[in-house]
């Protein structure tokens, strides 16, 4: 996959997340598009570009919607680590480890935001975070599955990016 195209894809996801998604999502907790995209990207491509995109678009997200600057960038990088570690143990074309990494990343993100905000004195309640957690986990798992299928189709279409050259995959 061309990393410039991935950057454009992340930019489009950032635009959708900051402008449109929170207003038109019909259910309670809207999925975190950038979180799922960085986790899927770290799991499938196993490169440092996932961490670069997590920092850049986390800072852009902080400029747009967060109370403190740098929190989303830090948490997106921390959320990429489980997917990056799982990519060494499992075949990247399998969806279940990617979904599990996205669920772990969602828990890191929710409780990390609560912890950092409560540390710096922002009004954050753990009960609000726990109340919206089940529907957030369901929406994150579904979104991660869709993004994984899209990214795998890109990998299969472009044979140069495939990690397993030859043999049975």
C-alpha atoms as a PDB file:
ATOM      1  CA  UNK A   1       0.000   0.000   0.000  1.00  0.00           C
ATOM      2  CA  UNK A   2       1.250   3.430  -0.841  1.00  0.00           C
ATOM      3  CA  UNK A   3       1.713   5.340   2.394  1.00  0.00           C
ATOM      4  CA  UNK A   4       0.630   8.621   0.812  1.00  0.00           C
ATOM      5  CA  UNK A   5      -2.709   7.011  -0.073  1.00  0.00           C
ATOM      6  CA  UNK A   6      -2.951   5.778   3.505  1.00  0.00           C
ATOM      7  CA  UNK A   7      -2.316   9.335   4.713  1.00  0.00           C
ATOM      8  CA  UNK A   8      -5.170  10.597   2.545  1.00  0.00           C
ATOM      9  CA  UNK A   9      -7.370   7.798   3.893  1.00  0.00           C
ATOM     10  CA  UNK A  10      -6.528   8.777   7.486  1.00  0.00           C
ATOM     11  CA  UNK A  11      -7.210  12.435   6.676  1.00  0.00           C
ATOM     12  CA  UNK A  12     -10.647  11.556   5.296  1.00  0.00           C
ATOM     13  CA  UNK A  13     -11.367   9.501   8.429  1.00  0.00           C
ATOM     14  CA  UNK A  14     -10.273  12.433  10.589  1.00  0.00           C
ATOM     15  CA  UNK A  15     -12.609  14.774   8.706  1.00  0.00           C
ATOM     16  CA  UNK A  16     -15.525  12.373   9.054  1.00  0.00           C
ATOM     17  CA  UNK A  17     -14.854  11.795  12.735  1.00  0.00           C
ATOM     18  CA  UNK A  18     -14.509  15.437  13.722  1.00  0.00           C
ATOM     19  CA  UNK A  19     -17.270  16.932  11.616  1.00  0.00           C
ATOM     20  CA  UNK A  20     -19.931  14.425  10.669  1.00  0.00           C
ATOM     21  CA  UNK A  21     -19.862  11.218  12.677  1.00  0.00           C
ATOM     22  CA  UNK A  22     -20.756  12.597  16.109  1.00  0.00           C
ATOM     23  CA  UNK A  23     -23.807  14.372  14.696  1.00  0.00           C
ATOM     24  CA  UNK A  24     -25.323  11.623  12.569  1.00  0.00           C
ATOM     25  CA  UNK A  25     -24.464   8.420  14.450  1.00  0.00           C
ATOM     26  CA  UNK A  26     -27.842   6.885  15.348  1.00  0.00           C
ATOM     27  CA  UNK A  27     -26.682   4.905  18.382  1.00  0.00           C
ATOM     28  CA  UNK A  28     -25.257   6.064  21.697  1.00  0.00           C
ATOM     29  CA  UNK A  29     -21.478   5.960  21.382  1.00  0.00           C
ATOM     30  CA  UNK A  30     -19.959   6.652  17.987  1.00  0.00           C
ATOM     31  CA  UNK A  31     -16.947   4.542  17.003  1.00  0.00           C
ATOM     32  CA  UNK A  32     -13.483   6.051  17.043  1.00  0.00           C
ATOM     33  CA  UNK A  33     -12.516   5.893  13.367  1.00  0.00           C
ATOM     34  CA  UNK A  34      -8.889   6.874  13.804  1.00  0.00           C
ATOM     35  CA  UNK A  35      -8.397   4.361  16.597  1.00  0.00           C
ATOM     36  CA  UNK A  36      -9.708   1.492  14.465  1.00  0.00           C
ATOM     37  CA  UNK A  37      -7.737   2.609  11.413  1.00  0.00           C
ATOM     38  CA  UNK A  38      -4.439   2.889  13.285  1.00  0.00           C
ATOM     39  CA  UNK A  39      -4.979  -0.477  14.986  1.00  0.00           C
ATOM     40  CA  UNK A  40      -5.802  -2.180  11.665  1.00  0.00           C
ATOM     41  CA  UNK A  41      -2.882  -0.454   9.975  1.00  0.00           C
ATOM     42  CA  UNK A  42      -0.457  -1.473  12.751  1.00  0.00           C
ATOM     43  CA  UNK A  43      -1.736  -5.053  12.680  1.00  0.00           C
ATOM     44  CA  UNK A  44      -1.727  -5.558   8.923  1.00  0.00           C
ATOM     45  CA  UNK A  45       1.285  -3.634   7.708  1.00  0.00           C
ATOM     46  CA  UNK A  46       3.530  -4.008  10.775  1.00  0.00           C
ATOM     47  CA  UNK A  47       5.384  -0.795  10.092  1.00  0.00           C
ATOM     48  CA  UNK A  48       6.267   2.340  11.972  1.00  0.00           C
ATOM     49  CA  UNK A  49       3.942   4.378   9.794  1.00  0.00           C
ATOM     50  CA  UNK A  50       1.021   3.377  12.021  1.00  0.00           C
ATOM     51  CA  UNK A  51       2.748   5.111  14.917  1.00  0.00           C
ATOM     52  CA  UNK A  52       3.494   8.164  12.757  1.00  0.00           C
ATOM     53  CA  UNK A  53      -0.139   8.378  11.648  1.00  0.00           C
ATOM     54  CA  UNK A  54      -1.251   7.895  15.272  1.00  0.00           C
ATOM     55  CA  UNK A  55       0.857  10.845  16.426  1.00  0.00           C
ATOM     56  CA  UNK A  56      -0.027  13.175  13.542  1.00  0.00           C
ATOM     57  CA  UNK A  57      -3.759  12.523  13.474  1.00  0.00           C
ATOM     58  CA  UNK A  58      -3.939  12.291  17.269  1.00  0.00           C
ATOM     59  CA  UNK A  59      -2.549  15.820  17.464  1.00  0.00           C
ATOM     60  CA  UNK A  60      -5.019  16.951  14.804  1.00  0.00           C
ATOM     61  CA  UNK A  61      -7.807  15.328  16.803  1.00  0.00           C
ATOM     62  CA  UNK A  62      -6.623  17.128  19.927  1.00  0.00           C
ATOM     63  CA  UNK A  63      -6.703  20.450  18.113  1.00  0.00           C
ATOM     64  CA  UNK A  64     -10.276  19.817  17.070  1.00  0.00           C
ATOM     65  CA  UNK A  65     -12.107  18.166  19.955  1.00  0.00           C
ATOM     66  CA  UNK A  66     -10.030  17.474  23.083  1.00  0.00           C
ATOM     67  CA  UNK A  67      -9.647  19.363  26.337  1.00  0.00           C
ATOM     68  CA  UNK A  68      -5.896  18.737  26.675  1.00  0.00           C
ATOM     69  CA  UNK A  69      -3.345  18.803  23.847  1.00  0.00           C
ATOM     70  CA  UNK A  70      -1.410  15.602  23.155  1.00  0.00           C
ATOM     71  CA  UNK A  71      -3.679  13.160  24.968  1.00  0.00           C
ATOM     72  CA  UNK A  72      -5.151  11.547  21.859  1.00  0.00           C
ATOM     73  CA  UNK A  73      -1.749  11.249  20.214  1.00  0.00           C
ATOM     74  CA  UNK A  74      -0.333   9.495  23.268  1.00  0.00           C
ATOM     75  CA  UNK A  75      -3.303   7.172  23.600  1.00  0.00           C
ATOM     76  CA  UNK A  76      -3.397   6.316  19.887  1.00  0.00           C
ATOM     77  CA  UNK A  77       0.269   5.321  20.058  1.00  0.00           C
ATOM     78  CA  UNK A  78      -0.421   3.207  23.150  1.00  0.00           C
ATOM     79  CA  UNK A  79      -3.384   1.633  21.362  1.00  0.00           C
ATOM     80  CA  UNK A  80      -1.218   0.625  18.384  1.00  0.00           C
ATOM     81  CA  UNK A  81       1.163  -1.412  20.546  1.00  0.00           C
ATOM     82  CA  UNK A  82      -1.134  -4.462  21.149  1.00  0.00           C
ATOM     83  CA  UNK A  83      -1.941  -4.727  17.439  1.00  0.00           C
ATOM     84  CA  UNK A  84       1.707  -4.357  16.515  1.00  0.00           C
ATOM     85  CA  UNK A  85       2.670  -7.113  18.954  1.00  0.00           C
ATOM     86  CA  UNK A  86      -0.129  -9.408  17.768  1.00  0.00           C
ATOM     87  CA  UNK A  87       0.985  -9.008  14.170  1.00  0.00           C
ATOM     88  CA  UNK A  88       4.164 -10.919  14.970  1.00  0.00           C
ATOM     89  CA  UNK A  89       2.257 -13.916  16.340  1.00  0.00           C
ATOM     90  CA  UNK A  90      -0.676 -14.238  13.933  1.00  0.00           C
ATOM     91  CA  UNK A  91      -1.257 -14.169  10.220  1.00  0.00           C
ATOM     92  CA  UNK A  92      -2.193 -10.569   9.393  1.00  0.00           C
ATOM     93  CA  UNK A  93      -4.940 -11.655   7.037  1.00  0.00           C
ATOM     94  CA  UNK A  94      -6.980 -13.156   9.891  1.00  0.00           C
ATOM     95  CA  UNK A  95      -9.569 -10.794  11.296  1.00  0.00           C
ATOM     96  CA  UNK A  96     -10.094 -12.104  14.835  1.00  0.00           C
ATOM     97  CA  UNK A  97      -6.740 -10.983  16.312  1.00  0.00           C
ATOM     98  CA  UNK A  98      -7.235  -7.554  14.755  1.00  0.00           C
ATOM     99  CA  UNK A  99     -10.692  -7.256  16.331  1.00  0.00           C
ATOM    100  CA  UNK A 100      -9.290  -8.379  19.693  1.00  0.00           C
ATOM    101  CA  UNK A 101      -6.529  -5.777  19.385  1.00  0.00           C
ATOM    102  CA  UNK A 102      -9.164  -3.131  18.583  1.00  0.00           C
ATOM    103  CA  UNK A 103     -11.174  -4.072  21.675  1.00  0.00           C
ATOM    104  CA  UNK A 104      -8.049  -3.894  23.859  1.00  0.00           C
ATOM    105  CA  UNK A 105      -7.206  -0.554  22.258  1.00  0.00           C
ATOM    106  CA  UNK A 106     -10.711   0.731  22.971  1.00  0.00           C
ATOM    107  CA  UNK A 107     -10.338  -0.158  26.645  1.00  0.00           C
ATOM    108  CA  UNK A 108      -6.923   1.533  26.741  1.00  0.00           C
ATOM    109  CA  UNK A 109      -8.390   4.628  25.100  1.00  0.00           C
ATOM    110  CA  UNK A 110     -11.487   4.921  27.309  1.00  0.00           C
ATOM    111  CA  UNK A 111      -9.745   4.324  30.618  1.00  0.00           C
ATOM    112  CA  UNK A 112      -6.674   6.298  29.520  1.00  0.00           C
ATOM    113  CA  UNK A 113      -8.803   9.343  28.702  1.00  0.00           C
ATOM    114  CA  UNK A 114     -10.584   9.042  32.017  1.00  0.00           C
ATOM    115  CA  UNK A 115      -7.313   8.645  33.925  1.00  0.00           C
ATOM    116  CA  UNK A 116      -5.527  11.545  32.264  1.00  0.00           C
ATOM    117  CA  UNK A 117      -8.522  13.872  32.537  1.00  0.00           C
ATOM    118  CA  UNK A 118      -9.096  13.058  36.189  1.00  0.00           C
ATOM    119  CA  UNK A 119      -5.367  13.490  36.856  1.00  0.00           C
ATOM    120  CA  UNK A 120      -5.416  17.013  35.454  1.00  0.00           C
ATOM    121  CA  UNK A 121      -8.650  17.989  37.173  1.00  0.00           C
ATOM    122  CA  UNK A 122     -11.051  17.872  34.240  1.00  0.00           C
ATOM    123  CA  UNK A 123     -14.610  16.836  35.002  1.00  0.00           C
ATOM    124  CA  UNK A 124     -14.561  13.170  33.990  1.00  0.00           C
ATOM    125  CA  UNK A 125     -16.728  10.430  35.441  1.00  0.00           C
ATOM    126  CA  UNK A 126     -15.802   6.761  35.319  1.00  0.00           C
ATOM    127  CA  UNK A 127     -19.477   5.832  35.432  1.00  0.00           C
ATOM    128  CA  UNK A 128     -20.183   7.633  32.155  1.00  0.00           C
ATOM    129  CA  UNK A 129     -17.256   5.829  30.556  1.00  0.00           C
ATOM    130  CA  UNK A 130     -18.401   2.430  31.812  1.00  0.00           C
ATOM    131  CA  UNK A 131     -22.028   3.064  30.843  1.00  0.00           C
ATOM    132  CA  UNK A 132     -21.165   3.720  27.186  1.00  0.00           C
ATOM    133  CA  UNK A 133     -18.510   0.998  27.017  1.00  0.00           C
ATOM    134  CA  UNK A 134     -20.638  -1.980  25.777  1.00  0.00           C
ATOM    135  CA  UNK A 135     -22.081  -0.181  22.767  1.00  0.00           C
ATOM    136  CA  UNK A 136     -18.690   1.398  22.053  1.00  0.00           C
ATOM    137  CA  UNK A 137     -17.028  -2.030  22.070  1.00  0.00           C
ATOM    138  CA  UNK A 138     -19.652  -3.423  19.689  1.00  0.00           C
ATOM    139  CA  UNK A 139     -19.342  -0.516  17.266  1.00  0.00           C
ATOM    140  CA  UNK A 140     -15.531  -0.619  17.428  1.00  0.00           C
ATOM    141  CA  UNK A 141     -15.478  -4.373  16.704  1.00  0.00           C
ATOM    142  CA  UNK A 142     -17.802  -3.970  13.719  1.00  0.00           C
ATOM    143  CA  UNK A 143     -15.831  -1.020  12.338  1.00  0.00           C
ATOM    144  CA  UNK A 144     -12.519  -2.812  12.820  1.00  0.00           C
ATOM    145  CA  UNK A 145     -13.851  -5.841  10.978  1.00  0.00           C
ATOM    146  CA  UNK A 146     -14.951  -3.675   8.041  1.00  0.00           C
ATOM    147  CA  UNK A 147     -11.628  -1.800   7.948  1.00  0.00           C
ATOM    148  CA  UNK A 148      -9.722  -5.071   8.146  1.00  0.00           C
ATOM    149  CA  UNK A 149     -11.618  -6.448   5.160  1.00  0.00           C
ATOM    150  CA  UNK A 150     -10.942  -3.247   3.192  1.00  0.00           C
ATOM    151  CA  UNK A 151      -7.229  -3.258   4.052  1.00  0.00           C
ATOM    152  CA  UNK A 152      -6.862  -6.982   3.276  1.00  0.00           C
ATOM    153  CA  UNK A 153      -8.457  -6.424  -0.133  1.00  0.00           C
ATOM    154  CA  UNK A 154      -5.871  -3.692  -0.751  1.00  0.00           C
ATOM    155  CA  UNK A 155      -3.067  -6.052   0.277  1.00  0.00           C
ATOM    156  CA  UNK A 156      -4.320  -8.840  -1.944  1.00  0.00           C
ATOM    157  CA  UNK A 157      -4.707  -6.469  -4.883  1.00  0.00           C
ATOM    158  CA  UNK A 158      -1.185  -5.061  -4.504  1.00  0.00           C
ATOM    159  CA  UNK A 159       1.153  -8.048  -4.268  1.00  0.00           C
ATOM    160  CA  UNK A 160       4.242  -5.955  -3.493  1.00  0.00           C
ATOM    161  CA  UNK A 161       3.031  -5.196   0.052  1.00  0.00           C
ATOM    162  CA  UNK A 162       2.235  -8.751   0.959  1.00  0.00           C
ATOM    163  CA  UNK A 163       4.366  -9.983   3.870  1.00  0.00           C
ATOM    164  CA  UNK A 164       4.231 -13.658   2.979  1.00  0.00           C
ATOM    165  CA  UNK A 165       5.806 -13.964  -0.439  1.00  0.00           C
ATOM    166  CA  UNK A 166       4.988 -17.405  -1.773  1.00  0.00           C
ATOM    167  CA  UNK A 167       3.979 -20.459   0.148  1.00  0.00           C
ATOM    168  CA  UNK A 168       0.712 -21.092   1.904  1.00  0.00           C
ATOM    169  CA  UNK A 169      -0.749 -18.061   3.615  1.00  0.00           C
END
